[in-house]
Protein backbone atom coordinates (compact mmCIF):
# COMPACT_ATOMS: atom_id res chain seq x y z
CA MET A 1 -29.69 -11.25 -18.72
CA ILE A 2 -25.88 -12.39 -19.71
CA TYR A 3 -23.06 -9.75 -20.40
CA LYS A 4 -19.86 -11.63 -22.21
CA ARG A 5 -17.19 -9.41 -22.77
CA ASP A 6 -13.70 -11.49 -23.90
CA GLY A 7 -14.33 -14.83 -23.03
CA PHE A 8 -15.99 -13.03 -19.89
CA SER A 9 -19.42 -14.17 -18.97
CA VAL A 10 -21.80 -13.04 -16.17
CA ASP A 11 -25.64 -13.45 -15.77
CA LEU A 12 -26.50 -9.72 -14.16
CA GLU A 13 -30.20 -11.05 -12.92
CA THR A 14 -27.70 -12.10 -9.99
CA VAL A 15 -25.53 -9.93 -9.74
CA VAL A 16 -26.24 -7.63 -5.68
CA ARG A 17 -24.17 -4.56 -6.88
CA ILE A 18 -21.62 -3.34 -9.72
CA TYR A 19 -18.78 -1.20 -9.45
CA PRO A 20 -14.75 0.18 -10.95
CA ALA A 21 -12.30 -0.28 -9.64
CA VAL A 22 -8.19 -0.97 -9.20
CA LEU A 23 -6.09 -3.22 -8.95
CA VAL A 24 -3.04 -1.69 -6.76
CA GLU A 25 0.62 -2.94 -5.92
CA HIS A 26 3.12 -1.10 -2.78
CA GLU A 27 5.00 -2.54 -1.01
CA GLY A 28 4.50 -6.29 -2.41
CA GLU A 29 1.35 -5.35 -1.29
CA SER A 30 -2.21 -6.22 -3.60
CA SER A 31 -5.61 -4.63 -3.19
CA GLU A 32 -9.19 -2.61 -5.07
CA MET A 33 -8.82 0.94 -4.53
CA SER A 34 -12.15 3.06 -5.69
CA LEU A 35 -11.37 4.80 -8.92
CA GLU A 36 -10.98 8.10 -7.13
CA TRP A 37 -9.10 6.70 -4.71
CA VAL A 38 -5.97 6.45 -7.38
CA ASP A 39 -6.69 9.68 -9.01
CA VAL A 40 -6.38 11.23 -5.49
CA TYR A 41 -2.58 8.65 -4.85
CA GLY A 42 -2.14 6.54 -7.87
CA SER A 43 1.08 7.50 -8.00
CA LYS A 44 2.35 6.79 -4.94
CA VAL A 45 1.15 2.62 -6.21
CA LYS A 46 1.56 0.64 -9.13
CA ILE A 47 -1.51 -0.03 -11.00
CA LEU A 48 -1.18 -3.23 -11.76
CA SER A 49 -5.43 -3.95 -13.64
CA PHE A 50 -9.07 -1.68 -14.10
CA VAL A 51 -11.72 -3.79 -12.67
CA LEU A 52 -15.09 -3.95 -13.45
CA VAL A 53 -16.73 -5.59 -9.93
CA PHE A 54 -19.42 -7.55 -9.97
CA ASP A 55 -20.65 -8.83 -6.36
CA ASN A 56 -23.15 -11.48 -5.87
CA THR A 57 -22.61 -11.24 -2.22
CA LYS A 58 -26.35 -11.27 -0.80
CA GLN A 59 -26.93 -9.51 2.64
CA GLY A 60 -25.85 -11.73 5.62
CA ASP A 61 -23.79 -13.37 3.45
CA GLU A 62 -19.95 -14.16 5.07
CA GLU A 63 -18.38 -15.23 2.52
CA ARG A 64 -17.60 -12.32 -0.67
CA HIS A 65 -18.78 -13.94 -4.77
CA LYS A 66 -17.52 -11.76 -6.69
CA GLN A 67 -16.76 -12.52 -10.76
CA GLU A 68 -14.56 -9.88 -12.26
CA LEU A 69 -13.60 -7.99 -15.18
CA HIS A 70 -9.74 -6.70 -15.77
CA PHE A 71 -9.38 -4.11 -18.05
CA ASP A 72 -4.76 -2.51 -18.57
CA SER A 73 -6.63 0.94 -19.51
CA LYS A 74 -8.87 3.33 -17.27
CA GLU A 75 -10.85 3.58 -20.66
CA GLU A 76 -11.45 0.59 -21.55
CA LEU A 77 -13.09 0.09 -18.04
CA LEU A 78 -15.21 3.10 -19.02
CA GLU A 79 -15.93 1.52 -22.22
CA ALA A 80 -17.09 -1.97 -20.21
CA MET A 81 -19.51 0.28 -17.99
CA SER A 82 -20.87 1.92 -20.53
CA GLU A 83 -21.63 -1.67 -21.91
CA VAL A 84 -23.33 -2.46 -18.71
CA ALA A 85 -25.82 -0.67 -18.20
CA THR A 86 -27.58 0.10 -21.76
CA PHE A 87 -29.08 -4.26 -20.22
CA PHE A 88 -30.82 -1.61 -17.24
């Protein structure tokens, strides 16, 4: 099962988990935060992008293996989440 969007491609059969996140910047540092966190504290940080993370990291792996699909808006992120859900 291959999911494709805007030049991005991921094999969903290898994905261990899929989750939404928001890439934020605060005091020169960037990090991924949950959508819920951003709903509460988003006004205190700069939102860089909304992200759908496809995590391929298997249990016990020390190194994270993931692919990220970035969006300009939360609405675009939610639309992609709905598209991915149709594969399951």
